[in-house]
Amino acid sequence: MALPSSRPLQQIALSDIAAFTGVVLENGEEFVGRRVDIASDELSGEDVAEVLTRVTGREIHYVELPLEQVRQAMREDGARMFEWFDK
């Protein structure tokens, strides 16, 4: 990714999003007008590589991509997203 290897990034599994969506739908009145940030993990690229190495038994290394490479592949919106993640 186009982030320093030590930059933590909040992440969440799709199944956790689905479960939370169910809670919101069942209790909608409690969430009207509210913004709720959800994340289940906050891991750096180094952390993710470590976990993948342990789980797969294969050596995984984090590689930071140059933002310009991301900009070429994902255009300006993709580059801005990674700039925002880095802040």
C-alpha atoms as a PDB file:
ATOM      1  CA  MET A   1       0.000   0.000   0.000  1.00  0.00           C
ATOM      2  CA  ALA A   2       1.025   3.617  -0.329  1.00  0.00           C
ATOM      3  CA  LEU A   3       1.537   4.026   3.408  1.00  0.00           C
ATOM      4  CA  PRO A   4       4.602   3.832   5.632  1.00  0.00           C
ATOM      5  CA  SER A   5       4.990   0.326   7.060  1.00  0.00           C
ATOM      6  CA  SER A   6       4.479   1.603  10.604  1.00  0.00           C
ATOM      7  CA  ARG A   7       1.299   3.612   9.878  1.00  0.00           C
ATOM      8  CA  PRO A   8      -1.636   2.000  11.729  1.00  0.00           C
ATOM      9  CA  LEU A   9      -4.838   1.693   9.720  1.00  0.00           C
ATOM     10  CA  GLN A  10      -8.226   0.870  11.200  1.00  0.00           C
ATOM     11  CA  GLN A  11      -9.814  -2.175   9.582  1.00  0.00           C
ATOM     12  CA  ILE A  12     -12.995  -4.143   9.938  1.00  0.00           C
ATOM     13  CA  ALA A  13     -14.236  -7.448   8.580  1.00  0.00           C
ATOM     14  CA  LEU A  14     -17.238  -7.430   6.281  1.00  0.00           C
ATOM     15  CA  SER A  15     -19.014  -9.834   8.641  1.00  0.00           C
ATOM     16  CA  ASP A  16     -18.608  -7.301  11.485  1.00  0.00           C
ATOM     17  CA  ILE A  17     -20.101  -4.558   9.306  1.00  0.00           C
ATOM     18  CA  ALA A  18     -23.044  -6.830   8.495  1.00  0.00           C
ATOM     19  CA  ALA A  19     -23.587  -7.656  12.174  1.00  0.00           C
ATOM     20  CA  PHE A  20     -23.512  -3.975  13.135  1.00  0.00           C
ATOM     21  CA  THR A  21     -25.908  -3.150  10.310  1.00  0.00           C
ATOM     22  CA  GLY A  22     -28.340  -5.672  11.788  1.00  0.00           C
ATOM     23  CA  VAL A  23     -28.122  -3.964  15.186  1.00  0.00           C
ATOM     24  CA  VAL A  24     -28.798  -0.588  13.562  1.00  0.00           C
ATOM     25  CA  LEU A  25     -31.766  -1.906  11.602  1.00  0.00           C
ATOM     26  CA  GLU A  26     -33.264  -3.557  14.686  1.00  0.00           C
ATOM     27  CA  ASN A  27     -32.707  -0.462  16.857  1.00  0.00           C
ATOM     28  CA  GLY A  28     -33.009   2.307  14.294  1.00  0.00           C
ATOM     29  CA  GLU A  29     -34.456   4.903  16.637  1.00  0.00           C
ATOM     30  CA  GLU A  30     -31.271   4.803  18.736  1.00  0.00           C
ATOM     31  CA  PHE A  31     -29.138   5.700  15.726  1.00  0.00           C
ATOM     32  CA  VAL A  32     -31.177   8.457  14.065  1.00  0.00           C
ATOM     33  CA  GLY A  33     -28.975  11.499  13.524  1.00  0.00           C
ATOM     34  CA  ARG A  34     -25.853   9.789  14.907  1.00  0.00           C
ATOM     35  CA  ARG A  35     -22.554   9.059  13.248  1.00  0.00           C
ATOM     36  CA  VAL A  36     -20.866   5.893  14.474  1.00  0.00           C
ATOM     37  CA  ASP A  37     -17.287   5.016  13.561  1.00  0.00           C
ATOM     38  CA  ILE A  38     -16.650   1.283  13.648  1.00  0.00           C
ATOM     39  CA  ALA A  39     -13.388  -0.648  13.421  1.00  0.00           C
ATOM     40  CA  SER A  40     -12.343  -3.956  14.897  1.00  0.00           C
ATOM     41  CA  ASP A  41      -8.562  -3.752  14.443  1.00  0.00           C
ATOM     42  CA  GLU A  42      -5.896  -1.097  14.047  1.00  0.00           C
ATOM     43  CA  LEU A  43      -2.853  -2.629  12.418  1.00  0.00           C
ATOM     44  CA  SER A  44       0.197  -1.280  10.622  1.00  0.00           C
ATOM     45  CA  GLY A  45       1.477  -2.827   7.403  1.00  0.00           C
ATOM     46  CA  GLU A  46       4.238  -4.434   9.464  1.00  0.00           C
ATOM     47  CA  ASP A  47       1.611  -5.918  11.800  1.00  0.00           C
ATOM     48  CA  VAL A  48      -0.403  -7.338   8.908  1.00  0.00           C
ATOM     49  CA  ALA A  49       2.700  -8.899   7.339  1.00  0.00           C
ATOM     50  CA  GLU A  50       3.594 -10.442  10.709  1.00  0.00           C
ATOM     51  CA  VAL A  51       0.129 -11.955  11.146  1.00  0.00           C
ATOM     52  CA  LEU A  52       0.079 -13.296   7.575  1.00  0.00           C
ATOM     53  CA  THR A  53       3.545 -14.811   8.063  1.00  0.00           C
ATOM     54  CA  ARG A  54       2.406 -16.549  11.246  1.00  0.00           C
ATOM     55  CA  VAL A  55      -0.901 -17.788   9.809  1.00  0.00           C
ATOM     56  CA  THR A  56       0.369 -18.953   6.415  1.00  0.00           C
ATOM     57  CA  GLY A  57       3.786 -20.208   7.485  1.00  0.00           C
ATOM     58  CA  ARG A  58       5.269 -18.215   4.587  1.00  0.00           C
ATOM     59  CA  GLU A  59       7.476 -15.152   4.938  1.00  0.00           C
ATOM     60  CA  ILE A  60       5.407 -12.074   4.032  1.00  0.00           C
ATOM     61  CA  HIS A  61       6.959  -8.609   3.750  1.00  0.00           C
ATOM     62  CA  TYR A  62       5.197  -5.262   3.623  1.00  0.00           C
ATOM     63  CA  VAL A  63       6.037  -3.160   0.576  1.00  0.00           C
ATOM     64  CA  GLU A  64       5.274   0.549   0.515  1.00  0.00           C
ATOM     65  CA  LEU A  65       4.223   1.661  -2.946  1.00  0.00           C
ATOM     66  CA  PRO A  66       5.116   5.120  -4.204  1.00  0.00           C
ATOM     67  CA  LEU A  67       2.056   7.365  -4.178  1.00  0.00           C
ATOM     68  CA  GLU A  68       2.687   8.184  -7.843  1.00  0.00           C
ATOM     69  CA  GLN A  69       2.265   4.488  -8.734  1.00  0.00           C
ATOM     70  CA  VAL A  70      -1.059   4.448  -6.891  1.00  0.00           C
ATOM     71  CA  ARG A  71      -2.070   7.671  -8.649  1.00  0.00           C
ATOM     72  CA  GLN A  72      -1.429   6.029 -12.039  1.00  0.00           C
ATOM     73  CA  ALA A  73      -3.392   2.895 -11.141  1.00  0.00           C
ATOM     74  CA  MET A  74      -6.228   4.438  -9.100  1.00  0.00           C
ATOM     75  CA  ARG A  75      -6.207   8.004 -10.437  1.00  0.00           C
ATOM     76  CA  GLU A  76      -6.365  11.079  -8.248  1.00  0.00           C
ATOM     77  CA  ASP A  77      -9.199   9.807  -6.027  1.00  0.00           C
ATOM     78  CA  GLY A  78      -7.183   6.736  -5.038  1.00  0.00           C
ATOM     79  CA  ALA A  79      -4.099   8.832  -4.316  1.00  0.00           C
ATOM     80  CA  ARG A  80      -6.130  11.236  -2.180  1.00  0.00           C
ATOM     81  CA  MET A  81      -7.549   8.307  -0.230  1.00  0.00           C
ATOM     82  CA  PHE A  82      -4.048   7.090   0.698  1.00  0.00           C
ATOM     83  CA  GLU A  83      -2.952  10.641   1.523  1.00  0.00           C
ATOM     84  CA  TRP A  84      -5.932  10.862   3.890  1.00  0.00           C
ATOM     85  CA  PHE A  85      -5.118   7.454   5.431  1.00  0.00           C
ATOM     86  CA  ASP A  86      -1.558   8.695   6.057  1.00  0.00           C
ATOM     87  CA  LYS A  87      -2.854  11.692   8.020  1.00  0.00           C
END
